[in-house]
PDB file of N, CA and C in Angstrom:
ATOM      1  N   MET A   1     -22.444  -8.747  17.513  1.00  0.00           N
ATOM      2  CA  MET A   1     -21.093  -9.018  17.098  1.00  0.00           C
ATOM      3  C   MET A   1     -20.206  -7.883  17.613  1.00  0.00           C
ATOM      4  N   LYS A   2     -18.992  -8.209  18.015  1.00  0.00           N
ATOM      5  CA  LYS A   2     -18.022  -7.204  18.445  1.00  0.00           C
ATOM      6  C   LYS A   2     -17.101  -6.889  17.271  1.00  0.00           C
ATOM      7  N   ILE A   3     -16.981  -5.586  16.949  1.00  0.00           N
ATOM      8  CA  ILE A   3     -16.203  -5.154  15.792  1.00  0.00           C
ATOM      9  C   ILE A   3     -15.161  -4.136  16.228  1.00  0.00           C
ATOM     10  N   ILE A   4     -13.924  -4.314  15.761  1.00  0.00           N
ATOM     11  CA  ILE A   4     -12.859  -3.336  15.996  1.00  0.00           C
ATOM     12  C   ILE A   4     -12.867  -2.369  14.813  1.00  0.00           C
ATOM     13  N   VAL A   5     -12.991  -1.075  15.101  1.00  0.00           N
ATOM     14  CA  VAL A   5     -12.980  -0.056  14.048  1.00  0.00           C
ATOM     15  C   VAL A   5     -11.699   0.750  14.200  1.00  0.00           C
ATOM     16  N   VAL A   6     -10.765   0.540  13.283  1.00  0.00           N
ATOM     17  CA  VAL A   6      -9.501   1.269  13.291  1.00  0.00           C
ATOM     18  C   VAL A   6      -9.695   2.548  12.487  1.00  0.00           C
ATOM     19  N   GLY A   7      -9.276   3.670  13.071  1.00  0.00           N
ATOM     20  CA  GLY A   7      -9.491   4.957  12.418  1.00  0.00           C
ATOM     21  C   GLY A   7     -10.856   5.526  12.753  1.00  0.00           C
ATOM     22  N   ALA A   8     -11.357   5.182  13.931  1.00  0.00           N
ATOM     23  CA  ALA A   8     -12.714   5.557  14.328  1.00  0.00           C
ATOM     24  C   ALA A   8     -12.909   7.062  14.451  1.00  0.00           C
ATOM     25  N   GLY A   9     -11.836   7.830  14.610  1.00  0.00           N
ATOM     26  CA  GLY A   9     -11.958   9.273  14.758  1.00  0.00           C
ATOM     27  C   GLY A   9     -11.969  10.031  13.447  1.00  0.00           C
ATOM     28  N   GLY A  10     -11.699   9.357  12.354  1.00  0.00           N
ATOM     29  CA  GLY A  10     -11.687  10.015  11.046  1.00  0.00           C
ATOM     30  C   GLY A  10     -13.091  10.134  10.467  1.00  0.00           C
ATOM     31  N   ASP A  11     -13.196  10.807   9.354  1.00  0.00           N
ATOM     32  CA  ASP A  11     -14.504  11.020   8.726  1.00  0.00           C
ATOM     33  C   ASP A  11     -15.208   9.705   8.389  1.00  0.00           C
ATOM     34  N   ILE A  12     -14.505   8.811   7.733  1.00  0.00           N
ATOM     35  CA  ILE A  12     -15.108   7.534   7.345  1.00  0.00           C
ATOM     36  C   ILE A  12     -15.344   6.667   8.577  1.00  0.00           C
ATOM     37  N   GLY A  13     -14.378   6.651   9.495  1.00  0.00           N
ATOM     38  CA  GLY A  13     -14.519   5.859  10.710  1.00  0.00           C
ATOM     39  C   GLY A  13     -15.696   6.292  11.565  1.00  0.00           C
ATOM     40  N   GLU A  14     -15.894   7.597  11.695  1.00  0.00           N
ATOM     41  CA  GLU A  14     -17.034   8.101  12.470  1.00  0.00           C
ATOM     42  C   GLU A  14     -18.353   7.673  11.840  1.00  0.00           C
ATOM     43  N   ALA A  15     -18.437   7.771  10.522  1.00  0.00           N
ATOM     44  CA  ALA A  15     -19.662   7.361   9.826  1.00  0.00           C
ATOM     45  C   ALA A  15     -19.895   5.859   9.980  1.00  0.00           C
ATOM     46  N   ALA A  16     -18.818   5.082   9.877  1.00  0.00           N
ATOM     47  CA  ALA A  16     -18.935   3.634  10.040  1.00  0.00           C
ATOM     48  C   ALA A  16     -19.395   3.286  11.452  1.00  0.00           C
ATOM     49  N   CYS A  17     -18.825   3.965  12.447  1.00  0.00           N
ATOM     50  CA  CYS A  17     -19.207   3.708  13.839  1.00  0.00           C
ATOM     51  C   CYS A  17     -20.667   4.069  14.090  1.00  0.00           C
ATOM     52  N   GLU A  18     -21.108   5.161  13.504  1.00  0.00           N
ATOM     53  CA  GLU A  18     -22.503   5.577  13.683  1.00  0.00           C
ATOM     54  C   GLU A  18     -23.451   4.501  13.164  1.00  0.00           C
ATOM     55  N   GLU A  19     -23.150   3.975  11.993  1.00  0.00           N
ATOM     56  CA  GLU A  19     -24.010   2.955  11.392  1.00  0.00           C
ATOM     57  C   GLU A  19     -23.866   1.607  12.098  1.00  0.00           C
ATOM     58  N   LEU A  20     -22.632   1.156  12.280  1.00  0.00           N
ATOM     59  CA  LEU A  20     -22.399  -0.159  12.885  1.00  0.00           C
ATOM     60  C   LEU A  20     -22.819  -0.207  14.346  1.00  0.00           C
ATOM     61  N   GLY A  21     -22.679   0.924  15.048  1.00  0.00           N
ATOM     62  CA  GLY A  21     -22.999   0.975  16.470  1.00  0.00           C
ATOM     63  C   GLY A  21     -24.461   0.734  16.779  1.00  0.00           C
ATOM     64  N   ARG A  22     -25.311   0.860  15.792  1.00  0.00           N
ATOM     65  CA  ARG A  22     -26.748   0.603  15.989  1.00  0.00           C
ATOM     66  C   ARG A  22     -27.036  -0.873  16.204  1.00  0.00           C
ATOM     67  N   ARG A  23     -26.182  -1.728  15.657  1.00  0.00           N
ATOM     68  CA  ARG A  23     -26.452  -3.165  15.690  1.00  0.00           C
ATOM     69  C   ARG A  23     -25.350  -4.004  16.321  1.00  0.00           C
ATOM     70  N   HIS A  24     -24.201  -3.388  16.588  1.00  0.00           N
ATOM     71  CA  HIS A  24     -23.061  -4.176  17.044  1.00  0.00           C
ATOM     72  C   HIS A  24     -22.353  -3.491  18.211  1.00  0.00           C
ATOM     73  N   ASP A  25     -21.553  -4.267  18.914  1.00  0.00           N
ATOM     74  CA  ASP A  25     -20.710  -3.764  20.000  1.00  0.00           C
ATOM     75  C   ASP A  25     -19.368  -3.372  19.379  1.00  0.00           C
ATOM     76  N   LEU A  26     -18.990  -2.087  19.500  1.00  0.00           N
ATOM     77  CA  LEU A  26     -17.785  -1.596  18.835  1.00  0.00           C
ATOM     78  C   LEU A  26     -16.642  -1.351  19.807  1.00  0.00           C
ATOM     79  N   VAL A  27     -15.426  -1.579  19.323  1.00  0.00           N
ATOM     80  CA  VAL A  27     -14.204  -1.150  19.999  1.00  0.00           C
ATOM     81  C   VAL A  27     -13.571  -0.138  19.057  1.00  0.00           C
ATOM     82  N   ARG A  28     -13.529   1.111  19.486  1.00  0.00           N
ATOM     83  CA  ARG A  28     -13.005   2.189  18.637  1.00  0.00           C
ATOM     84  C   ARG A  28     -11.510   2.358  18.874  1.00  0.00           C
ATOM     85  N   VAL A  29     -10.748   2.378  17.781  1.00  0.00           N
ATOM     86  CA  VAL A  29      -9.299   2.531  17.839  1.00  0.00           C
ATOM     87  C   VAL A  29      -8.918   3.759  17.023  1.00  0.00           C
ATOM     88  N   GLY A  30      -8.086   4.616  17.606  1.00  0.00           N
ATOM     89  CA  GLY A  30      -7.652   5.800  16.884  1.00  0.00           C
ATOM     90  C   GLY A  30      -6.349   6.334  17.426  1.00  0.00           C
ATOM     91  N   ARG A  31      -5.812   7.322  16.750  1.00  0.00           N
ATOM     92  CA  ARG A  31      -4.559   7.940  17.193  1.00  0.00           C
ATOM     93  C   ARG A  31      -4.757   8.771  18.447  1.00  0.00           C
ATOM     94  N   SER A  32      -5.794   9.595  18.451  1.00  0.00           N
ATOM     95  CA  SER A  32      -5.966  10.520  19.572  1.00  0.00           C
ATOM     96  C   SER A  32      -7.297  10.348  20.287  1.00  0.00           C
ATOM     97  N   SER A  33      -8.127   9.424  19.837  1.00  0.00           N
ATOM     98  CA  SER A  33      -9.401   9.192  20.504  1.00  0.00           C
ATOM     99  C   SER A  33      -9.785   7.729  20.349  1.00  0.00           C
ATOM    100  N   GLY A  34     -10.771   7.317  21.104  1.00  0.00           N
ATOM    101  CA  GLY A  34     -11.237   5.940  21.051  1.00  0.00           C
ATOM    102  C   GLY A  34     -10.899   5.205  22.325  1.00  0.00           C
ATOM    103  N   GLU A  35     -11.511   4.032  22.491  1.00  0.00           N
ATOM    104  CA  GLU A  35     -11.241   3.227  23.681  1.00  0.00           C
ATOM    105  C   GLU A  35      -9.789   2.757  23.719  1.00  0.00           C
ATOM    106  N   ILE A  36      -9.236   2.496  22.550  1.00  0.00           N
ATOM    107  CA  ILE A  36      -7.828   2.102  22.434  1.00  0.00           C
ATOM    108  C   ILE A  36      -7.145   3.149  21.573  1.00  0.00           C
ATOM    109  N   GLN A  37      -6.056   3.694  22.066  1.00  0.00           N
ATOM    110  CA  GLN A  37      -5.320   4.682  21.285  1.00  0.00           C
ATOM    111  C   GLN A  37      -4.013   4.069  20.811  1.00  0.00           C
ATOM    112  N   VAL A  38      -3.769   4.195  19.530  1.00  0.00           N
ATOM    113  CA  VAL A  38      -2.585   3.613  18.909  1.00  0.00           C
ATOM    114  C   VAL A  38      -1.398   4.533  19.160  1.00  0.00           C
ATOM    115  N   VAL A  39      -0.379   3.994  19.803  1.00  0.00           N
ATOM    116  CA  VAL A  39       0.822   4.787  20.067  1.00  0.00           C
ATOM    117  C   VAL A  39       1.992   4.336  19.209  1.00  0.00           C
ATOM    118  N   SER A  40       1.825   3.219  18.537  1.00  0.00           N
ATOM    119  CA  SER A  40       2.852   2.759  17.608  1.00  0.00           C
ATOM    120  C   SER A  40       2.161   1.988  16.490  1.00  0.00           C
ATOM    121  N   ALA A  41       2.852   1.827  15.405  1.00  0.00           N
ATOM    122  CA  ALA A  41       2.270   1.145  14.247  1.00  0.00           C
ATOM    123  C   ALA A  41       2.755  -0.290  14.189  1.00  0.00           C
ATOM    124  N   LEU A  42       1.915  -1.146  13.692  1.00  0.00           N
ATOM    125  CA  LEU A  42       2.260  -2.540  13.473  1.00  0.00           C
ATOM    126  C   LEU A  42       1.948  -2.849  12.017  1.00  0.00           C
ATOM    127  N   VAL A  43       2.953  -3.239  11.279  1.00  0.00           N
ATOM    128  CA  VAL A  43       2.746  -3.584   9.875  1.00  0.00           C
ATOM    129  C   VAL A  43       2.545  -5.085   9.798  1.00  0.00           C
ATOM    130  N   VAL A  44       1.411  -5.473   9.290  1.00  0.00           N
ATOM    131  CA  VAL A  44       1.087  -6.893   9.184  1.00  0.00           C
ATOM    132  C   VAL A  44       1.166  -7.282   7.713  1.00  0.00           C
ATOM    133  N   GLU A  45       2.124  -8.130   7.399  1.00  0.00           N
ATOM    134  CA  GLU A  45       2.296  -8.563   6.013  1.00  0.00           C
ATOM    135  C   GLU A  45       1.390  -9.743   5.698  1.00  0.00           C
ATOM    136  N   ASN A  46       1.102 -10.530   6.705  1.00  0.00           N
ATOM    137  CA  ASN A  46       0.211 -11.666   6.527  1.00  0.00           C
ATOM    138  C   ASN A  46      -1.216 -11.142   6.624  1.00  0.00           C
ATOM    139  N   ARG A  47      -1.894 -11.022   5.520  1.00  0.00           N
ATOM    140  CA  ARG A  47      -3.216 -10.391   5.502  1.00  0.00           C
ATOM    141  C   ARG A  47      -4.346 -11.413   5.631  1.00  0.00           C
ATOM    142  N   THR A  48      -4.099 -12.493   6.318  1.00  0.00           N
ATOM    143  CA  THR A  48      -5.146 -13.490   6.524  1.00  0.00           C
ATOM    144  C   THR A  48      -5.972 -13.118   7.743  1.00  0.00           C
ATOM    145  N   SER A  49      -7.135 -13.694   7.843  1.00  0.00           N
ATOM    146  CA  SER A  49      -7.987 -13.419   9.000  1.00  0.00           C
ATOM    147  C   SER A  49      -7.334 -13.922  10.286  1.00  0.00           C
ATOM    148  N   GLU A  50      -6.525 -14.973  10.200  1.00  0.00           N
ATOM    149  CA  GLU A  50      -5.851 -15.481  11.390  1.00  0.00           C
ATOM    150  C   GLU A  50      -4.869 -14.450  11.945  1.00  0.00           C
ATOM    151  N   GLY A  51      -4.154 -13.750  11.047  1.00  0.00           N
ATOM    152  CA  GLY A  51      -3.216 -12.718  11.480  1.00  0.00           C
ATOM    153  C   GLY A  51      -3.925 -11.578  12.172  1.00  0.00           C
ATOM    154  N   VAL A  52      -5.057 -11.164  11.633  1.00  0.00           N
ATOM    155  CA  VAL A  52      -5.835 -10.086  12.242  1.00  0.00           C
ATOM    156  C   VAL A  52      -6.379 -10.534  13.588  1.00  0.00           C
ATOM    157  N   THR A  53      -6.863 -11.763  13.673  1.00  0.00           N
ATOM    158  CA  THR A  53      -7.386 -12.293  14.931  1.00  0.00           C
ATOM    159  C   THR A  53      -6.303 -12.315  15.993  1.00  0.00           C
ATOM    160  N   GLU A  54      -5.096 -12.698  15.619  1.00  0.00           N
ATOM    161  CA  GLU A  54      -3.982 -12.740  16.565  1.00  0.00           C
ATOM    162  C   GLU A  54      -3.675 -11.348  17.109  1.00  0.00           C
ATOM    163  N   VAL A  55      -3.656 -10.350  16.246  1.00  0.00           N
ATOM    164  CA  VAL A  55      -3.400  -8.974  16.675  1.00  0.00           C
ATOM    165  C   VAL A  55      -4.514  -8.494  17.592  1.00  0.00           C
ATOM    166  N   ALA A  56      -5.757  -8.742  17.212  1.00  0.00           N
ATOM    167  CA  ALA A  56      -6.899  -8.293  18.013  1.00  0.00           C
ATOM    168  C   ALA A  56      -6.915  -8.970  19.376  1.00  0.00           C
ATOM    169  N   THR A  57      -6.584 -10.242  19.427  1.00  0.00           N
ATOM    170  CA  THR A  57      -6.543 -10.960  20.696  1.00  0.00           C
ATOM    171  C   THR A  57      -5.464 -10.381  21.593  1.00  0.00           C
ATOM    172  N   GLY A  58      -4.323 -10.042  21.023  1.00  0.00           N
ATOM    173  CA  GLY A  58      -3.251  -9.420  21.797  1.00  0.00           C
ATOM    174  C   GLY A  58      -3.661  -8.073  22.345  1.00  0.00           C
ATOM    175  N   MET A  59      -4.445  -7.311  21.580  1.00  0.00           N
ATOM    176  CA  MET A  59      -4.909  -6.001  22.035  1.00  0.00           C
ATOM    177  C   MET A  59      -5.888  -6.142  23.189  1.00  0.00           C
ATOM    178  N   ALA A  60      -6.694  -7.202  23.162  1.00  0.00           N
ATOM    179  CA  ALA A  60      -7.715  -7.389  24.189  1.00  0.00           C
ATOM    180  C   ALA A  60      -7.102  -7.778  25.528  1.00  0.00           C
ATOM    181  N   GLY A  61      -5.857  -8.260  25.501  1.00  0.00           N
ATOM    182  CA  GLY A  61      -5.182  -8.613  26.739  1.00  0.00           C
ATOM    183  C   GLY A  61      -5.405 -10.026  27.060  1.00  0.00           C
TER     184      GLY A  61
END
């Protein structure tokens, strides 16, 4: 499974990546590190899985 980990450079994110990376393909997102670096914030009010999927698809290009 491919998983997007937001905050991958933080303490919790690093621990999550270490564990999840053993079994899954990860995309690491962070402010100053990771495959994708966040340069602006996006506030998503619609907290449905469809909204998250739309954002993730846009990030993938």
